[in-house]
Protein backbone atom coordinates (compact mmCIF):
# COMPACT_ATOMS: atom_id res chain seq x y z
CA MET A 1 36.73 -25.43 -10.45
CA THR A 2 39.67 -23.35 -10.68
CA SER A 3 40.70 -20.69 -8.43
CA THR A 4 43.45 -18.43 -9.62
CA THR A 5 45.11 -15.27 -7.63
CA THR A 6 47.17 -12.58 -8.86
CA PRO A 7 50.68 -13.87 -10.14
CA THR A 8 53.71 -12.23 -8.66
CA THR A 9 55.93 -12.82 -11.53
CA GLU A 10 57.18 -9.90 -13.66
CA PRO A 11 55.35 -9.02 -16.88
CA ALA A 12 56.73 -10.25 -20.11
CA ALA A 13 58.91 -7.75 -22.09
CA VAL A 14 57.23 -5.97 -24.92
CA HIS A 15 58.61 -7.07 -28.32
CA PRO A 16 58.31 -4.59 -31.32
CA GLU A 17 55.97 -5.30 -33.99
CA PRO A 18 54.83 -3.52 -37.02
CA LEU A 19 51.99 -1.01 -36.33
CA ASP A 20 49.56 -2.49 -38.76
CA GLN A 21 50.01 -6.00 -37.50
CA ALA A 22 49.21 -4.81 -33.89
CA ARG A 23 45.94 -3.41 -35.19
CA ASP A 24 45.07 -6.42 -37.20
CA ARG A 25 45.91 -8.62 -34.36
CA ARG A 26 43.46 -7.06 -32.08
CA SER A 27 40.54 -7.18 -34.54
CA GLU A 28 41.18 -10.74 -35.77
CA ALA A 29 42.13 -12.75 -32.72
CA ALA A 30 38.78 -13.89 -31.72
CA PRO A 31 37.26 -14.70 -35.02
CA ALA A 32 40.56 -16.74 -35.72
CA ALA A 33 39.81 -18.68 -32.68
CA GLU A 34 36.43 -19.39 -33.72
CA ARG A 35 37.43 -20.65 -37.11
CA SER A 36 39.90 -22.85 -35.36
CA ARG A 37 37.24 -24.72 -33.82
CA GLY A 38 35.34 -25.14 -37.20
CA THR A 39 32.51 -22.53 -36.43
CA THR A 40 31.71 -19.94 -38.86
CA PRO A 41 30.78 -16.43 -37.14
CA THR A 42 27.34 -15.33 -38.18
CA PRO A 43 26.84 -11.51 -38.32
CA ILE A 44 23.40 -10.50 -37.33
CA ALA A 45 21.67 -6.96 -36.95
CA LEU A 46 19.88 -6.18 -33.84
CA PRO A 47 16.16 -5.40 -33.94
CA GLY A 48 15.75 -1.72 -34.20
CA PRO A 49 14.02 1.07 -36.13
CA PRO A 50 13.80 0.77 -40.04
CA PRO A 51 16.45 2.60 -41.93
CA HIS A 52 13.95 5.17 -43.42
CA ARG A 53 12.98 8.33 -41.83
CA VAL A 54 10.27 8.00 -39.32
CA LYS A 55 7.71 10.79 -39.06
CA ILE A 56 7.40 12.14 -35.35
CA PRO A 57 3.53 12.33 -34.29
CA ASP A 58 2.31 15.89 -33.72
CA VAL A 59 2.42 16.47 -29.87
CA THR A 60 0.83 20.02 -30.01
CA LEU A 61 -1.98 19.06 -28.09
CA LEU A 62 0.19 18.46 -24.95
CA ARG A 63 1.73 21.68 -25.03
CA PRO A 64 1.83 23.57 -21.88
CA GLY A 65 -0.23 26.47 -23.10
CA ARG A 66 -3.16 23.96 -23.89
CA LEU A 67 -2.69 22.10 -20.62
CA LEU A 68 -3.08 25.40 -19.04
CA PHE A 69 -6.69 25.46 -19.98
CA ALA A 70 -7.25 21.65 -19.89
CA LEU A 71 -5.98 21.14 -16.26
CA PRO A 72 -8.50 23.67 -14.75
CA ALA A 73 -11.47 22.11 -16.62
CA LEU A 74 -10.36 18.57 -15.71
CA ALA A 75 -9.83 19.36 -12.07
CA ALA A 76 -13.16 21.19 -11.72
CA LEU A 77 -14.87 18.23 -13.44
CA ALA A 78 -12.89 15.64 -10.90
CA VAL A 79 -13.92 17.91 -7.95
CA ALA A 80 -17.50 17.92 -9.12
CA VAL A 81 -17.76 14.35 -9.75
CA THR A 82 -15.88 13.53 -6.61
CA GLY A 83 -18.03 16.07 -4.66
CA SER A 84 -21.37 14.43 -5.93
CA LEU A 85 -20.23 11.01 -4.95
CA LEU A 86 -19.22 12.30 -1.49
CA LEU A 87 -22.38 14.05 -1.22
CA TRP A 88 -24.50 10.69 -2.02
CA ARG A 89 -22.29 8.58 0.04
CA TYR A 90 -22.44 11.15 3.01
CA ARG A 91 -26.43 11.10 2.75
CA GLU A 92 -26.58 7.32 2.67
CA ALA A 93 -23.99 6.77 5.55
CA THR A 94 -25.66 9.34 7.69
CA LEU A 95 -29.13 7.93 7.25
CA ALA A 96 -27.57 4.45 8.09
CA ALA A 97 -25.86 5.80 11.19
CA ALA A 98 -29.14 7.53 12.25
CA ALA A 99 -31.07 4.06 11.86
CA GLU A 100 -28.31 2.42 13.59
CA ARG A 101 -28.62 4.84 16.40
CA GLU A 102 -32.28 4.56 16.80
CA ALA A 103 -32.00 0.73 16.66
CA VAL A 104 -29.42 0.88 19.65
CA VAL A 105 -31.88 3.09 21.55
CA VAL A 106 -34.69 0.93 21.08
CA SER A 107 -32.80 -2.44 21.94
CA ALA A 108 -31.40 -0.59 25.02
CA ARG A 109 -34.67 0.35 26.30
CA ALA A 110 -36.15 -3.10 25.53
CA TYR A 111 -33.57 -4.62 27.68
CA ALA A 112 -34.28 -2.07 30.44
CA LEU A 113 -38.00 -2.91 30.38
CA ALA A 114 -37.38 -6.63 30.42
CA ASP A 115 -35.22 -6.16 33.60
CA GLU A 116 -37.75 -3.79 35.19
CA MET A 117 -40.49 -6.36 34.57
CA THR A 118 -38.43 -9.07 35.91
CA ALA A 119 -38.04 -7.07 39.05
CA LEU A 120 -41.76 -6.17 39.44
CA VAL A 121 -42.81 -9.75 39.06
CA ALA A 122 -39.96 -10.76 41.81
CA GLU A 123 -41.31 -7.98 44.07
CA VAL A 124 -45.19 -8.74 43.78
CA GLY A 125 -44.16 -12.42 44.39
CA ARG A 126 -42.30 -11.35 47.33
CA LEU A 127 -45.13 -9.41 48.79
CA SER A 128 -47.54 -12.27 48.35
CA ARG A 129 -45.50 -14.51 50.52
CA LEU A 130 -45.10 -12.17 53.49
CA ALA A 131 -46.63 -13.37 56.82
CA GLU A 132 -48.56 -10.25 57.12
CA VAL A 133 -50.40 -10.74 53.89
CA ASP A 134 -53.12 -13.38 55.02
CA LEU A 135 -56.69 -12.67 54.11
CA ALA A 136 -57.83 -15.59 56.22
CA ASP A 137 -57.39 -13.77 59.50
CA GLY A 138 -60.03 -11.14 58.75
CA ASN A 139 -57.71 -8.29 59.77
CA LEU A 140 -56.59 -6.08 56.89
CA GLU A 141 -54.34 -3.61 58.90
CA PRO A 142 -51.14 -5.65 58.22
CA GLU A 143 -51.99 -5.87 54.52
CA LYS A 144 -52.67 -1.97 54.30
CA THR A 145 -49.17 -1.35 56.03
CA VAL A 146 -47.46 -3.75 53.41
CA LEU A 147 -49.31 -2.11 50.49
CA ARG A 148 -48.49 1.52 51.81
CA LEU A 149 -44.79 0.75 52.35
CA ALA A 150 -44.57 -1.06 48.92
CA ARG A 151 -46.18 1.67 46.99
CA ARG A 152 -43.82 4.44 48.79
CA ASP A 153 -40.68 2.52 48.19
CA SER A 154 -41.31 0.94 44.53
CA ALA A 155 -38.52 1.39 42.35
CA VAL A 156 -40.17 0.16 39.24
CA PHE A 157 -42.40 2.09 37.23
CA SER A 158 -45.39 4.19 38.70
CA VAL A 159 -47.09 1.46 40.24
CA ALA A 160 -50.44 0.90 41.90
CA ILE A 161 -51.10 -1.93 44.14
CA ALA A 162 -54.16 -3.61 45.57
CA ILE A 163 -55.38 -6.70 47.39
CA LEU A 164 -58.27 -8.62 45.87
CA ASP A 165 -60.53 -11.28 47.70
CA SER A 166 -61.45 -14.65 46.21
CA GLU A 167 -64.23 -12.81 44.16
CA GLY A 168 -61.93 -10.34 42.60
CA GLU A 169 -63.49 -7.40 44.85
CA VAL A 170 -60.74 -4.78 45.83
CA LEU A 171 -60.38 -4.99 49.58
CA TRP A 172 -57.72 -2.28 49.55
CA ALA A 173 -55.67 -0.32 46.96
CA GLU A 174 -52.73 2.22 47.13
CA PRO A 175 -53.55 4.75 46.19
CA ARG A 176 -57.23 4.44 47.22
CA GLU A 177 -58.86 4.91 43.93
CA ALA A 178 -56.71 2.46 42.00
CA ARG A 179 -58.52 -0.40 40.16
CA PRO A 180 -57.27 -2.93 37.73
CA GLY A 181 -58.21 -2.53 34.04
CA ALA A 182 -59.02 -6.14 33.75
CA PRO A 183 -61.62 -8.01 35.68
CA GLY A 184 -60.69 -8.68 39.13
CA ALA A 185 -62.09 -12.27 39.18
CA ALA A 186 -59.97 -13.14 35.89
CA LEU A 187 -56.76 -11.81 37.74
CA VAL A 188 -57.44 -13.95 40.79
CA GLY A 189 -58.23 -16.92 38.80
CA LEU A 190 -55.08 -16.43 36.58
CA ALA A 191 -52.78 -16.06 39.64
CA ARG A 192 -54.37 -19.05 41.63
CA GLY A 193 -54.62 -21.08 38.74
CA ARG A 194 -50.82 -20.84 37.89
CA GLY A 195 -49.89 -20.81 41.80
CA ARG A 196 -47.34 -18.11 41.05
CA PRO A 197 -47.21 -14.46 39.79
CA ALA A 198 -48.77 -13.88 36.27
CA ILE A 199 -48.80 -11.34 33.89
CA ARG A 200 -52.00 -9.95 31.95
CA TYR A 201 -51.75 -7.31 29.26
CA ALA A 202 -54.74 -4.94 28.69
CA ASP A 203 -55.11 -1.61 26.74
CA HIS A 204 -52.64 0.89 28.28
CA GLU A 205 -52.09 -1.42 31.37
CA ILE A 206 -49.90 -4.17 32.64
CA ASP A 207 -51.39 -6.31 35.57
CA VAL A 208 -49.16 -8.64 37.60
CA ALA A 209 -51.27 -10.77 39.84
CA ALA A 210 -49.74 -13.32 42.69
CA PRO A 211 -51.81 -15.56 44.88
CA VAL A 212 -51.97 -14.91 48.75
CA ALA A 213 -52.89 -16.93 51.76
CA GLY A 214 -56.86 -16.61 52.13
CA GLN A 215 -57.94 -17.40 48.49
CA GLY A 216 -57.10 -13.80 47.24
CA ALA A 217 -54.41 -12.26 45.08
CA ILE A 218 -52.16 -9.12 45.34
CA VAL A 219 -52.09 -7.21 42.01
CA ALA A 220 -49.60 -4.49 40.88
CA MET A 221 -50.80 -2.22 38.15
CA VAL A 222 -48.67 -0.35 35.51
CA HIS A 223 -50.54 2.24 33.58
CA GLY A 224 -49.43 2.92 29.93
CA ALA A 225 -49.49 6.64 30.72
CA ALA A 226 -46.76 6.27 33.25
CA ARG A 227 -43.95 8.70 32.41
CA ASP A 228 -41.05 6.44 33.30
CA LEU A 229 -42.40 3.68 30.75
CA PHE A 230 -40.18 4.70 27.73
CA GLY A 231 -37.18 6.44 29.38
CA PRO A 232 -35.94 9.99 28.31
CA GLU A 233 -33.50 8.55 25.51
CA LEU A 234 -36.45 6.96 23.63
CA ARG A 235 -38.70 10.12 24.21
CA ARG A 236 -35.89 12.39 22.71
CA ALA A 237 -35.46 10.16 19.64
CA LEU A 238 -39.24 10.52 18.93
CA ARG A 239 -38.82 14.21 17.94
CA GLU A 240 -41.82 15.97 16.03
CA GLY A 241 -43.47 13.31 14.18
CA GLY A 242 -43.74 9.46 15.15
CA GLU A 243 -44.74 7.11 17.51
CA ILE A 244 -43.39 4.92 20.52
CA ALA A 245 -45.42 1.90 21.34
CA LEU A 246 -45.31 -0.96 23.73
CA THR A 247 -47.52 -3.69 22.10
CA VAL A 248 -48.59 -7.46 22.25
CA PRO A 249 -48.40 -8.37 18.57
CA LEU A 250 -51.62 -10.09 17.62
CA GLY A 251 -51.85 -8.64 14.04
CA ARG A 252 -51.59 -5.19 12.58
CA GLU A 253 -55.13 -4.15 13.45
CA ASP A 254 -55.41 -6.27 16.58
CA ASP A 255 -52.13 -5.54 18.59
CA VAL A 256 -52.76 -4.90 22.27
CA VAL A 257 -51.39 -1.63 22.75
CA VAL A 258 -50.04 -1.51 26.31
CA ALA A 259 -48.67 2.07 26.17
CA ALA A 260 -48.11 4.48 23.22
CA LEU A 261 -46.77 8.12 22.83
CA ARG A 262 -47.51 10.09 19.59
CA THR A 263 -46.23 13.38 18.45
CA GLY A 264 -46.86 15.30 15.22
CA ASP A 265 -48.58 13.46 12.46
CA ALA A 266 -49.59 10.10 13.70
CA PRO A 267 -48.41 7.22 11.65
CA PRO A 268 -51.05 4.50 10.45
CA PRO A 269 -50.67 1.15 12.03
CA LEU A 270 -47.11 -0.08 10.93
CA ALA A 271 -45.60 -3.34 12.05
CA LEU A 272 -42.94 -5.61 10.71
CA PRO A 273 -43.18 -9.35 10.17
CA SER A 274 -40.52 -9.95 13.07
CA PRO A 275 -38.55 -7.56 15.29
CA GLY A 276 -35.85 -5.54 13.38
CA GLN A 277 -35.82 -2.33 11.43
CA ALA A 278 -37.00 -1.38 7.88
CA TRP A 279 -38.42 1.60 5.85
CA VAL A 280 -41.90 1.07 5.31
CA GLU A 281 -44.22 3.17 2.90
CA ASP A 282 -47.78 3.87 3.94
CA ALA A 283 -51.02 4.13 1.70
CA HIS A 284 -50.22 7.81 1.25
CA GLY A 285 -46.81 7.20 -0.08
CA ARG A 286 -45.13 8.32 3.16
CA ARG A 287 -42.01 6.74 4.13
CA TRP A 288 -41.39 5.74 7.83
CA LEU A 289 -38.54 4.11 9.61
CA VAL A 290 -39.90 1.40 11.89
CA THR A 291 -37.60 -0.22 14.64
CA GLU A 292 -38.81 -2.93 16.67
CA ALA A 293 -37.20 -4.88 19.52
CA SER A 294 -38.65 -7.93 21.72
CA VAL A 295 -38.88 -7.26 25.38
CA ALA A 296 -37.10 -10.43 26.40
CA ASP A 297 -39.71 -13.39 26.79
CA THR A 298 -42.48 -11.20 27.96
CA GLY A 299 -44.30 -11.20 24.78
CA LEU A 300 -43.96 -7.60 24.49
CA VAL A 301 -42.53 -5.63 21.34
CA LEU A 302 -41.19 -2.17 21.64
CA ARG A 303 -41.61 -0.16 18.62
CA LEU A 304 -40.39 3.22 17.47
CA VAL A 305 -41.84 4.79 14.28
CA LEU A 306 -40.05 7.77 12.68
CA SER A 307 -41.13 9.65 9.68
CA ALA A 308 -38.53 10.03 6.96
CA ARG A 309 -38.84 13.73 7.14
CA GLU A 310 -37.84 13.70 10.71
CA VAL A 311 -34.90 11.41 10.10
CA GLU A 312 -33.73 13.22 7.09
CA GLY A 313 -34.31 16.66 8.69
CA ALA A 314 -31.32 16.19 10.80
CA LEU A 315 -29.25 16.10 7.63
CA THR A 316 -30.28 19.38 6.06
CA GLY A 317 -27.89 21.58 8.08
CA PRO A 318 -24.85 19.48 7.55
CA PHE A 319 -25.71 18.52 4.03
CA TRP A 320 -26.00 21.99 2.82
CA ARG A 321 -22.66 22.93 4.63
CA LEU A 322 -21.08 20.14 2.76
CA VAL A 323 -22.65 21.28 -0.55
CA ALA A 324 -21.13 24.85 0.15
CA LEU A 325 -17.83 23.12 1.02
CA VAL A 326 -17.73 21.04 -2.35
CA GLY A 327 -18.56 24.43 -4.18
CA ALA A 328 -15.86 26.09 -2.48
CA LEU A 329 -13.37 23.19 -3.14
CA THR A 330 -14.51 23.28 -6.95
CA ALA A 331 -13.66 26.92 -7.14
CA LEU A 332 -10.36 26.56 -5.29
CA SER A 333 -9.37 23.63 -7.38
CA VAL A 334 -9.99 25.63 -10.58
CA GLY A 335 -7.72 28.50 -9.07
CA ALA A 336 -5.15 25.92 -7.94
CA ALA A 337 -5.19 24.17 -11.25
CA LEU A 338 -4.49 27.60 -12.96
CA ALA A 339 -1.69 28.38 -10.67
CA LEU A 340 -0.31 24.92 -11.11
CA ALA A 341 -0.48 25.05 -14.88
CA LEU A 342 1.27 28.16 -14.74
CA LEU A 343 3.98 26.86 -12.38
CA ALA A 344 4.34 23.51 -14.38
CA ARG A 345 5.01 25.80 -17.63
CA ARG A 346 7.67 27.65 -15.76
CA LEU A 347 9.14 24.50 -14.05
CA GLU A 348 9.06 22.75 -17.48
CA ARG A 349 11.18 25.78 -18.94
CA ALA A 350 13.41 25.61 -15.99
CA GLU A 351 13.97 21.76 -16.18
CA LEU A 352 14.81 22.24 -19.91
CA GLU A 353 17.43 24.68 -18.98
CA VAL A 354 18.83 22.48 -16.21
CA ALA A 355 18.93 19.42 -18.54
CA ARG A 356 20.57 21.47 -21.16
CA SER A 357 23.04 22.89 -18.57
CA ARG A 358 23.71 19.13 -17.36
CA GLU A 359 24.12 17.87 -20.96
CA LEU A 360 26.68 20.58 -21.61
CA ALA A 361 28.42 20.04 -18.21
CA ALA A 362 28.57 16.14 -18.97
CA MET A 363 29.65 16.87 -22.48
CA GLY A 364 32.48 19.32 -21.12
CA LYS A 365 33.57 16.72 -18.58
CA THR A 366 33.73 14.11 -21.21
CA SER A 367 35.37 16.17 -23.57
CA ALA A 368 38.05 16.97 -20.99
CA ALA A 369 38.50 13.49 -20.03
CA ILE A 370 38.95 12.53 -23.66
CA ALA A 371 41.12 15.42 -24.27
CA HIS A 372 43.28 14.23 -21.25
CA GLU A 373 43.49 10.68 -22.37
CA VAL A 374 44.48 11.82 -25.93
CA LYS A 375 46.96 14.36 -24.61
CA ASN A 376 48.85 11.75 -22.54
CA ALA A 377 48.92 9.36 -25.28
CA LEU A 378 50.27 12.23 -27.60
CA ASN A 379 52.82 13.05 -24.99
CA GLY A 380 54.06 9.72 -24.72
CA LEU A 381 54.30 9.39 -28.47
CA SER A 382 56.09 12.71 -28.85
CA VAL A 383 58.83 11.48 -26.19
CA ALA A 384 59.10 8.15 -28.25
CA VAL A 385 59.55 10.08 -31.57
CA ASP A 386 62.14 12.22 -30.03
CA VAL A 387 64.04 9.35 -28.61
CA LEU A 388 63.87 7.33 -31.81
CA ALA A 389 64.64 10.29 -34.13
CA GLY A 390 67.87 11.11 -32.08
CA GLY A 391 69.29 7.80 -33.12
CA LYS A 392 71.48 7.73 -29.87
CA ALA A 393 69.45 4.94 -28.09
CA ASP A 394 70.71 1.40 -27.86
CA GLY A 395 68.71 -1.66 -28.96
CA ALA A 396 67.12 -2.41 -25.64
CA ILE A 397 66.05 1.18 -24.90
CA ALA A 398 64.74 1.54 -28.49
CA ALA A 399 62.65 -1.61 -28.22
CA SER A 400 61.29 -0.31 -24.84
CA VAL A 401 60.32 3.00 -26.44
CA GLN A 402 58.70 1.43 -29.46
CA GLY A 403 56.61 -0.84 -26.95
CA ARG A 404 55.49 2.28 -24.97
CA ALA A 405 54.68 3.92 -28.44
CA ARG A 406 52.51 1.16 -29.25
CA ALA A 407 50.78 0.85 -25.75
CA GLU A 408 49.97 4.63 -26.31
CA ILE A 409 48.42 3.99 -29.74
CA ALA A 410 46.39 1.04 -28.21
CA ARG A 411 45.31 3.62 -25.45
CA LEU A 412 44.06 6.12 -28.24
CA ARG A 413 42.37 3.16 -30.07
CA ASP A 414 40.57 2.16 -26.83
CA VAL A 415 39.21 5.63 -26.44
CA ALA A 416 38.12 5.66 -30.14
CA GLU A 417 36.29 2.18 -29.77
CA ASP A 418 34.51 3.41 -26.43
CA LEU A 419 33.13 6.37 -28.34
CA THR A 420 32.25 4.32 -31.44
CA LEU A 421 30.47 1.55 -28.96
CA PHE A 422 28.57 4.15 -27.50
CA ALA A 423 27.40 6.19 -30.36
CA ALA A 424 25.77 3.24 -32.28
CA THR A 425 23.92 0.01 -31.46
CA PRO A 426 26.39 -2.85 -31.24
CA ARG A 427 26.40 -5.30 -34.25
CA LEU A 428 27.16 -8.58 -33.08
CA VAL A 429 28.97 -11.49 -34.68
CA LEU A 430 27.59 -14.50 -32.99
CA ALA A 431 29.63 -17.60 -32.63
CA GLU A 432 29.78 -20.68 -29.99
CA VAL A 433 31.90 -19.34 -27.29
CA ASP A 434 32.89 -20.70 -23.78
CA LEU A 435 31.61 -18.20 -21.17
CA GLY A 436 34.15 -19.58 -18.69
CA GLY A 437 36.98 -19.06 -21.11
CA ILE A 438 35.84 -15.51 -21.47
CA VAL A 439 36.02 -14.88 -17.89
CA ARG A 440 39.35 -16.15 -17.77
CA ARG A 441 40.47 -13.85 -20.51
CA ALA A 442 38.88 -11.05 -18.73
CA ARG A 443 40.78 -11.94 -15.65
CA ASP A 444 43.98 -12.01 -17.68
CA ALA A 445 43.42 -8.48 -19.07
CA VAL A 446 43.11 -6.76 -15.79
CA LEU A 447 46.02 -8.67 -13.87
CA GLU A 448 48.65 -5.79 -14.57
CA LEU A 449 46.12 -3.26 -13.27
CA ALA A 450 45.32 -5.45 -10.30
CA GLU A 451 48.95 -5.69 -9.35
CA ASP A 452 49.36 -2.02 -9.68
CA CYS A 453 46.50 -1.39 -7.22
CA GLY A 454 47.53 -4.14 -4.84
CA VAL A 455 44.26 -6.21 -5.41
CA ASP A 456 44.04 -10.01 -5.27
CA VAL A 457 42.01 -11.54 -8.14
CA ARG A 458 40.23 -14.89 -7.32
CA LEU A 459 38.76 -16.84 -10.21
CA ASP A 460 35.75 -19.32 -9.69
CA VAL A 461 34.96 -20.89 -13.09
CA PRO A 462 33.72 -24.42 -13.58
CA ASP A 463 36.16 -27.03 -15.28
CA ALA A 464 33.35 -27.86 -18.01
CA PRO A 465 32.78 -25.58 -20.75
CA LEU A 466 29.63 -23.28 -20.48
CA PRO A 467 28.89 -22.77 -24.15
CA LEU A 468 26.64 -20.09 -25.50
CA ARG A 469 26.29 -18.14 -28.77
CA ALA A 470 27.69 -14.63 -28.36
CA ASP A 471 29.99 -12.17 -29.83
CA GLY A 472 33.28 -13.01 -28.00
CA PRO A 473 35.27 -9.93 -28.12
CA LYS A 474 32.56 -7.51 -27.27
CA LEU A 475 31.38 -9.75 -24.59
CA LEU A 476 34.94 -10.12 -23.14
CA GLY A 477 35.24 -6.29 -23.29
CA ALA A 478 31.85 -6.02 -21.16
CA VAL A 479 33.34 -8.28 -18.58
CA ALA A 480 36.72 -6.85 -18.53
CA ASN A 481 35.39 -3.48 -18.01
CA LEU A 482 33.32 -4.45 -15.12
CA ALA A 483 36.42 -6.09 -13.59
CA ARG A 484 38.55 -3.06 -14.28
CA ASN A 485 35.83 -0.96 -12.51
CA GLY A 486 35.84 -3.29 -9.57
CA ILE A 487 39.66 -3.11 -9.28
CA GLU A 488 39.55 0.81 -9.46
CA ALA A 489 37.03 0.66 -6.68
CA MET A 490 39.77 -0.65 -4.42
CA GLY A 491 42.73 1.20 -5.92
CA PRO A 492 44.64 4.25 -4.57
CA GLY A 493 42.16 6.86 -3.25
CA ALA A 494 39.12 4.48 -3.33
CA PHE A 495 38.54 4.80 0.42
CA GLY A 496 38.83 8.61 0.63
CA GLU A 497 42.69 8.56 1.57
CA ARG A 498 45.08 11.23 -0.41
CA LEU A 499 47.06 9.55 -3.33
CA ASP A 500 50.30 10.49 -1.56
CA ASP A 501 49.11 8.60 1.50
CA ASP A 502 49.76 5.02 2.62
CA ALA A 503 47.05 2.85 1.56
CA PRO A 504 44.89 1.88 4.57
CA ALA A 505 44.93 -1.88 5.60
CA ARG A 506 41.98 -3.34 4.11
CA GLU A 507 41.17 -6.60 2.23
CA ARG A 508 41.39 -5.91 -1.56
CA ARG A 509 40.07 -8.85 -3.18
CA LEU A 510 38.23 -9.15 -6.57
CA GLU A 511 36.17 -12.31 -7.10
CA LEU A 512 35.12 -13.33 -10.73
CA GLY A 513 32.82 -16.28 -10.95
CA VAL A 514 30.47 -17.92 -13.77
CA ARG A 515 27.82 -20.55 -13.08
CA ARG A 516 24.56 -21.86 -14.77
CA GLU A 517 21.43 -20.71 -12.92
CA ARG A 518 17.87 -21.90 -13.81
CA GLY A 519 18.69 -22.13 -17.62
CA ARG A 520 20.70 -19.06 -17.59
CA ALA A 521 24.47 -18.19 -17.39
CA VAL A 522 25.37 -15.69 -14.41
CA VAL A 523 28.57 -13.78 -14.18
CA GLU A 524 29.51 -12.26 -11.06
CA VAL A 525 32.10 -9.68 -10.46
CA ALA A 526 32.32 -8.69 -6.84
CA ASP A 527 34.87 -6.29 -5.20
CA ARG A 528 35.30 -5.23 -1.52
CA GLY A 529 35.52 -1.48 -2.11
CA ALA A 530 33.66 1.32 -0.50
CA GLY A 531 30.36 0.41 -2.15
CA LEU A 532 27.81 2.62 -3.93
CA VAL A 533 26.18 5.87 -2.50
CA PRO A 534 22.45 6.13 -3.46
CA GLU A 535 23.13 9.18 -5.49
CA VAL A 536 25.65 7.23 -7.67
CA ARG A 537 23.53 4.05 -7.90
CA ALA A 538 20.40 5.83 -9.29
CA HIS A 539 22.62 6.81 -12.50
CA LEU A 540 25.23 4.13 -12.40
CA PHE A 541 24.65 3.01 -16.10
CA GLU A 542 24.17 6.42 -17.48
CA PRO A 543 26.82 7.80 -19.74
CA PHE A 544 29.32 10.44 -18.52
CA VAL A 545 28.60 9.16 -14.88
CA THR A 546 31.96 8.45 -13.03
CA THR A 547 33.25 8.78 -9.56
CA LYS A 548 36.99 8.14 -10.80
CA ARG A 549 39.34 11.04 -11.13
CA THR A 550 40.02 9.80 -14.70
CA GLY A 551 38.05 8.25 -17.44
CA THR A 552 35.30 9.13 -19.81
CA GLY A 553 32.25 7.69 -17.60
CA LEU A 554 31.29 5.57 -20.61
CA GLY A 555 32.35 2.10 -19.44
CA LEU A 556 29.42 0.84 -17.54
CA ALA A 557 27.15 2.28 -20.14
CA ILE A 558 28.92 0.54 -22.91
CA ALA A 559 28.80 -2.81 -20.76
CA ARG A 560 25.22 -2.49 -20.38
CA LYS A 561 24.52 -1.90 -24.11
CA VAL A 562 26.76 -5.05 -25.06
CA VAL A 563 25.03 -7.15 -22.33
CA THR A 564 21.56 -5.78 -23.51
CA ALA A 565 22.32 -6.64 -27.10
CA HIS A 566 22.87 -10.16 -26.17
CA GLY A 567 19.44 -10.39 -24.46
CA GLY A 568 20.66 -10.20 -20.94
CA VAL A 569 20.88 -7.83 -18.02
CA VAL A 570 23.48 -6.37 -15.87
CA GLU A 571 22.82 -5.56 -12.24
CA ALA A 572 24.45 -3.78 -9.38
CA ALA A 573 23.90 -4.76 -5.53
CA ASP A 574 25.53 -4.16 -2.31
CA ARG A 575 27.87 -7.02 -1.35
CA PRO A 576 27.40 -8.44 2.44
CA GLY A 577 30.47 -7.36 4.06
CA GLY A 578 31.00 -4.20 2.10
CA GLY A 579 31.73 -3.66 -1.63
CA THR A 580 29.49 -4.26 -4.83
CA VAL A 581 28.66 -7.13 -6.89
CA PHE A 582 27.78 -6.70 -10.54
CA ARG A 583 25.73 -9.66 -12.03
CA VAL A 584 25.54 -10.36 -15.91
CA VAL A 585 22.61 -12.68 -16.51
CA LEU A 586 22.79 -14.03 -20.07
CA PRO A 587 20.26 -16.47 -21.85
CA LEU A 588 21.57 -19.94 -22.72
CA GLU A 589 20.59 -21.31 -25.90
CA GLU A 590 21.00 -24.96 -27.13
CA VAL A 591 24.38 -25.09 -29.15
CA ALA A 592 24.73 -27.55 -32.11
CA ALA A 593 27.31 -30.19 -31.30
């Protein structure tokens, strides 16, 4: 790898040469070098439009006048379709939410029932074990007191409680007229057979029996008509048509209905194969929402049946409000589309005017820059002609004036070539070139400018050649253009100081590098200038865009055209620590040895 800094030696003196030789030398230098290596340049034409005149398609269908009528229609159609979709999804989502709400209510009540059943069984068992409850002593007064207090202080359901003898006869009950729905002997036998509290279900009643001393039993009776059995939330969910039932599933027709509450049209017997929720249609075509939940391990199932009319009835008000909203939005969208179409037409006209103004301003700015460059060159040539025509200058002065004249002519030629390159697609003359050598020559081309601007130029190029097929002179011009741009980004006035002020103490270094990267050649030009502001970055490679006090604003645009013509890309990025990095990425092709 080689690393080179800006030399401090004086530039070589300019020797006079004929004008036609200087012009020919500039255009023939690169092809001559290629011929010296035995490679014949191959001119190619880039892919592009055919040379014949292409007919432009008719775009009258997209005129703002027709869009003025198309946009409202499309907007109304979009709103109508969207509104219909929203209405359908709203209905489905609301029905799903209503069903989910009923499922939550039923499940919550089933859990509460299970807890209350557990508490009732535990309470009856506790009463049966009290010392006062003993039928063997023949004295019922202690038992009466226990039943009276238990009935009064009961916190579960609306409970009636009784003591039965071994034959199932009621010895005492609270209230006095209370009697179990099931045969007393069966309840006593069930309790004494299990030796612990047992539950028996009958139509519209739950009986909990526990054995007591003296061969009898204490029985708690919960009637299905008890008001507190289903709870207020479940009763509110019933609305105007449906059923709440607490059953022992034995089959749709044979279920033991422990408790039931019906309103409005009573549904037919409906049950699910297993606890859950589903829409069920009866024999008359009516739809019902059936929700079931098991009451823990008691064998009971809590069922809520609601008619579809009741479930969907809650949607009627919100649904029609949403329909009205969709209609209003449709009308509003039509009006808004008409207004936007009119506004778009006016904005289009305004944008055309602004674009035209910008083009004129850019053309004026470029014309002024070109005129400035040409005027300066002509001034220099005028002075040179005056000096030489006077015939009083000695040989050294005459030689210096002639060199200056040639420099001004070269300056005019550069401006003309920039305009020519920008105005037409580059025609490449491909040949085998060394990309490292091109970068070195680009460094040499900007050394004098770098010295004038106080910029140190560093070179990072591999020793081995990096061959590729390219148009050497045009690619050299593009890389030199990027290098010149980086040097000027660190030159006088680049950091906001006035031209007559001392330059601020900053590191001013330009780094030129080339490397092979994943089958591609990459050239990097990194400066340590002030960087690019977002407004400039967005239009960096557009023609006539420049932040310099002088120049035509075509340099970066031309560099990108040349790189693109070679099938590559040029990018600009912020450099860590400040400054800008330009990356030229070119495809590498196998070059014949």
